[in-house]
Amino acid sequence: MEKRLLAVLNDAERLLVAETEADALAALDEDQVAALHDRIRRARGKYVSQYRRQASARVSKKGGRGIARPKNRTASDKAEVFEEALARVSRRLGVLAAASARELRDERIAAARAAKAGQPAPKKGAAGSTKGGSASKKPAPGRVSPGKSKLRNPKTEKNRAGTRALGAKRQAKRDSK
């Protein structure tokens, strides 16, 4: 990136742009890259809208866009820096998302093949687990373990009833024709 463009950034903005360098992005997982993407996108949007607002205000005073443009150089440069940073983060996020999609697809295919063969579906991450039981039996944070949750509660019953009613309504409509 050009030194002239980086010179217009303050320290916090420089640190944010530094997080988008290739070696820094390589250390992040998909969720962290997505969060960085949001932060960069907000910063870019801030300076793009600031540039547009200032430019439109100056046009009426200066008499034309060409005359008003040089006064808006800082906001324009910052928007350009964050646009380049956003492009880098977007590319990395695309690569990580594609890899995640491939993993998910492979897991689903393996589960479908196992179900077709009449075997239990392979568990996620089962290839690297040992029989020693070193894996934790606790559910992921924010999740309820399958044995603890009620399968039939008022909410699920209401959903089932609504689905049945909708099906009955459709069938009655077909029967009346």
Protein backbone atom coordinates (compact mmCIF):
# COMPACT_ATOMS: atom_id res chain seq x y z
CA MET A 1 0.00 0.00 0.00
CA GLU A 2 1.26 3.49 -0.74
CA LYS A 3 2.96 5.37 2.09
CA ARG A 4 1.10 8.53 1.08
CA LEU A 5 -2.22 6.80 1.74
CA LEU A 6 -1.11 5.30 5.05
CA ALA A 7 0.10 8.72 6.22
CA VAL A 8 -3.47 10.05 6.38
CA LEU A 9 -4.51 7.37 8.91
CA ASN A 10 -4.39 7.81 12.66
CA ASP A 11 -2.85 5.13 14.91
CA ALA A 12 -6.07 3.18 15.50
CA GLU A 13 -6.82 3.12 11.78
CA ARG A 14 -3.26 2.00 10.99
CA LEU A 15 -3.62 -0.89 13.43
CA LEU A 16 -6.92 -1.88 11.83
CA VAL A 17 -5.35 -1.86 8.36
CA ALA A 18 -2.33 -3.81 9.68
CA GLU A 19 -4.73 -6.59 10.72
CA THR A 20 -5.56 -7.08 7.05
CA GLU A 21 -2.01 -8.00 6.00
CA ALA A 22 -1.61 -11.55 4.69
CA ASP A 23 0.39 -12.92 7.63
CA ALA A 24 -2.05 -11.44 10.17
CA LEU A 25 -5.06 -12.83 8.27
CA ALA A 26 -3.49 -16.29 8.10
CA ALA A 27 -3.61 -16.57 11.90
CA LEU A 28 -7.37 -15.89 12.08
CA ASP A 29 -10.21 -18.39 11.79
CA GLU A 30 -13.37 -17.84 9.75
CA ASP A 31 -15.37 -16.15 12.53
CA GLN A 32 -12.53 -13.78 13.37
CA VAL A 33 -12.08 -12.87 9.71
CA ALA A 34 -15.83 -12.23 9.42
CA ALA A 35 -15.68 -9.90 12.45
CA LEU A 36 -12.68 -8.08 10.95
CA HIS A 37 -14.57 -7.82 7.66
CA ASP A 38 -17.44 -6.07 9.44
CA ARG A 39 -15.09 -3.64 11.19
CA ILE A 40 -13.29 -2.77 7.94
CA ARG A 41 -16.59 -2.40 6.07
CA ARG A 42 -17.92 0.01 8.71
CA ALA A 43 -14.73 2.09 8.55
CA ARG A 44 -14.87 2.19 4.76
CA GLY A 45 -18.53 3.19 4.84
CA LYS A 46 -17.77 5.95 7.33
CA TYR A 47 -15.18 7.60 5.12
CA VAL A 48 -17.08 7.09 1.88
CA SER A 49 -20.18 8.77 3.31
CA GLN A 50 -18.04 11.50 4.90
CA TYR A 51 -16.40 12.14 1.54
CA ARG A 52 -19.74 12.31 -0.24
CA ARG A 53 -21.32 14.61 2.33
CA GLN A 54 -18.37 17.02 2.31
CA ALA A 55 -18.13 16.97 -1.47
CA SER A 56 -21.80 17.71 -1.97
CA ALA A 57 -21.63 20.58 0.55
CA ARG A 58 -18.61 22.10 -1.19
CA VAL A 59 -20.01 21.84 -4.72
CA SER A 60 -22.61 24.53 -4.11
CA LYS A 61 -20.02 26.79 -2.46
CA LYS A 62 -17.23 26.25 -5.01
CA GLY A 63 -19.40 26.09 -8.09
CA GLY A 64 -18.45 22.64 -9.38
CA ARG A 65 -17.29 19.16 -8.48
CA GLY A 66 -13.86 19.58 -10.02
CA ILE A 67 -13.06 22.63 -7.93
CA ALA A 68 -14.41 21.03 -4.72
CA ARG A 69 -12.53 17.73 -5.12
CA PRO A 70 -9.01 18.71 -3.93
CA LYS A 71 -10.34 19.92 -0.57
CA ASN A 72 -11.77 16.45 0.11
CA ARG A 73 -8.52 14.57 -0.36
CA THR A 74 -8.17 13.15 3.18
CA ALA A 75 -11.57 11.47 3.31
CA SER A 76 -11.04 10.18 -0.23
CA ASP A 77 -7.64 8.70 0.68
CA LYS A 78 -8.97 7.04 3.83
CA ALA A 79 -11.87 5.55 1.88
CA GLU A 80 -9.39 4.19 -0.67
CA VAL A 81 -7.18 2.62 2.02
CA PHE A 82 -10.14 0.88 3.63
CA GLU A 83 -11.45 -0.23 0.24
CA GLU A 84 -8.15 -2.03 -0.45
CA ALA A 85 -8.14 -3.53 3.06
CA LEU A 86 -11.73 -4.70 2.61
CA ALA A 87 -10.79 -6.40 -0.65
CA ARG A 88 -8.00 -8.34 1.09
CA VAL A 89 -10.25 -9.43 3.95
CA SER A 90 -13.07 -10.36 1.55
CA ARG A 91 -10.74 -12.60 -0.46
CA ARG A 92 -9.54 -14.36 2.70
CA LEU A 93 -13.10 -14.75 3.96
CA GLY A 94 -14.08 -16.29 0.62
CA VAL A 95 -11.25 -18.81 0.82
CA LEU A 96 -12.16 -19.80 4.39
CA ALA A 97 -15.86 -20.02 3.59
CA ALA A 98 -15.17 -22.26 0.59
CA ALA A 99 -13.01 -24.55 2.72
CA SER A 100 -15.71 -24.70 5.39
CA ALA A 101 -18.32 -25.52 2.76
CA ARG A 102 -16.15 -28.33 1.38
CA GLU A 103 -15.74 -29.81 4.87
CA LEU A 104 -19.47 -29.65 5.52
CA ARG A 105 -20.25 -31.20 2.14
CA ASP A 106 -17.78 -34.04 2.77
CA GLU A 107 -19.31 -34.69 6.21
CA ARG A 108 -22.81 -34.82 4.74
CA ILE A 109 -21.73 -37.15 1.95
CA ALA A 110 -20.04 -39.46 4.46
CA ALA A 111 -23.17 -39.46 6.63
CA ALA A 112 -25.39 -40.20 3.62
CA ARG A 113 -23.16 -43.06 2.50
CA ALA A 114 -23.13 -44.50 6.01
CA ALA A 115 -26.92 -44.23 6.25
CA LYS A 116 -27.32 -45.91 2.87
CA ALA A 117 -25.06 -48.75 4.01
CA GLY A 118 -27.07 -49.10 7.23
CA GLN A 119 -24.24 -47.98 9.48
CA PRO A 120 -24.43 -45.23 12.08
CA ALA A 121 -23.33 -41.86 10.76
CA PRO A 122 -19.70 -40.98 11.50
CA LYS A 123 -19.39 -38.37 14.21
CA LYS A 124 -17.88 -35.01 13.41
CA GLY A 125 -14.15 -35.13 14.08
CA ALA A 126 -14.21 -38.89 14.74
CA ALA A 127 -11.10 -39.49 12.65
CA GLY A 128 -8.86 -37.74 15.16
CA SER A 129 -10.47 -39.02 18.35
CA THR A 130 -9.06 -41.82 20.47
CA LYS A 131 -10.83 -44.63 22.27
CA GLY A 132 -9.33 -43.48 25.58
CA GLY A 133 -12.25 -41.12 26.08
CA SER A 134 -10.14 -38.00 26.23
CA ALA A 135 -12.82 -36.03 24.41
CA SER A 136 -15.01 -33.91 26.64
CA LYS A 137 -18.60 -35.03 27.10
CA LYS A 138 -19.81 -31.48 27.79
CA PRO A 139 -21.96 -29.80 25.13
CA ALA A 140 -20.67 -26.71 23.38
CA PRO A 141 -21.35 -23.44 25.21
CA GLY A 142 -24.84 -22.17 24.49
CA ARG A 143 -26.08 -25.59 23.43
CA VAL A 144 -28.25 -28.03 25.29
CA SER A 145 -27.18 -31.64 25.29
CA PRO A 146 -29.64 -33.88 23.42
CA GLY A 147 -30.54 -35.94 26.51
CA LYS A 148 -31.44 -32.87 28.55
CA SER A 149 -33.83 -31.16 26.18
CA LYS A 150 -37.48 -32.08 25.99
CA LEU A 151 -38.46 -33.26 22.56
CA ARG A 152 -42.11 -32.58 23.22
CA ASN A 153 -42.82 -29.26 24.82
CA PRO A 154 -45.61 -26.73 24.28
CA LYS A 155 -43.68 -24.89 21.60
CA THR A 156 -42.95 -28.00 19.51
CA GLU A 157 -46.52 -29.23 19.98
CA LYS A 158 -47.85 -25.91 18.69
CA ASN A 159 -45.58 -26.17 15.65
CA ARG A 160 -46.74 -29.73 14.97
CA ALA A 161 -50.39 -28.74 15.27
CA GLY A 162 -49.90 -25.82 12.90
CA THR A 163 -48.18 -28.06 10.36
CA ARG A 164 -50.95 -30.64 10.55
CA ALA A 165 -53.63 -27.96 10.17
CA LEU A 166 -51.89 -26.52 7.15
CA GLY A 167 -51.63 -29.96 5.54
CA ALA A 168 -55.30 -30.67 6.28
CA LYS A 169 -56.29 -27.34 4.78
CA ARG A 170 -54.35 -28.07 1.60
CA GLN A 171 -55.84 -31.54 1.33
CA ALA A 172 -59.37 -30.19 1.82
CA LYS A 173 -58.75 -27.67 -0.96
CA ARG A 174 -57.62 -30.46 -3.31
CA ASP A 175 -60.56 -32.67 -2.35
CA SER A 176 -63.09 -29.92 -3.05
CA LYS A 177 -62.02 -29.62 -6.70
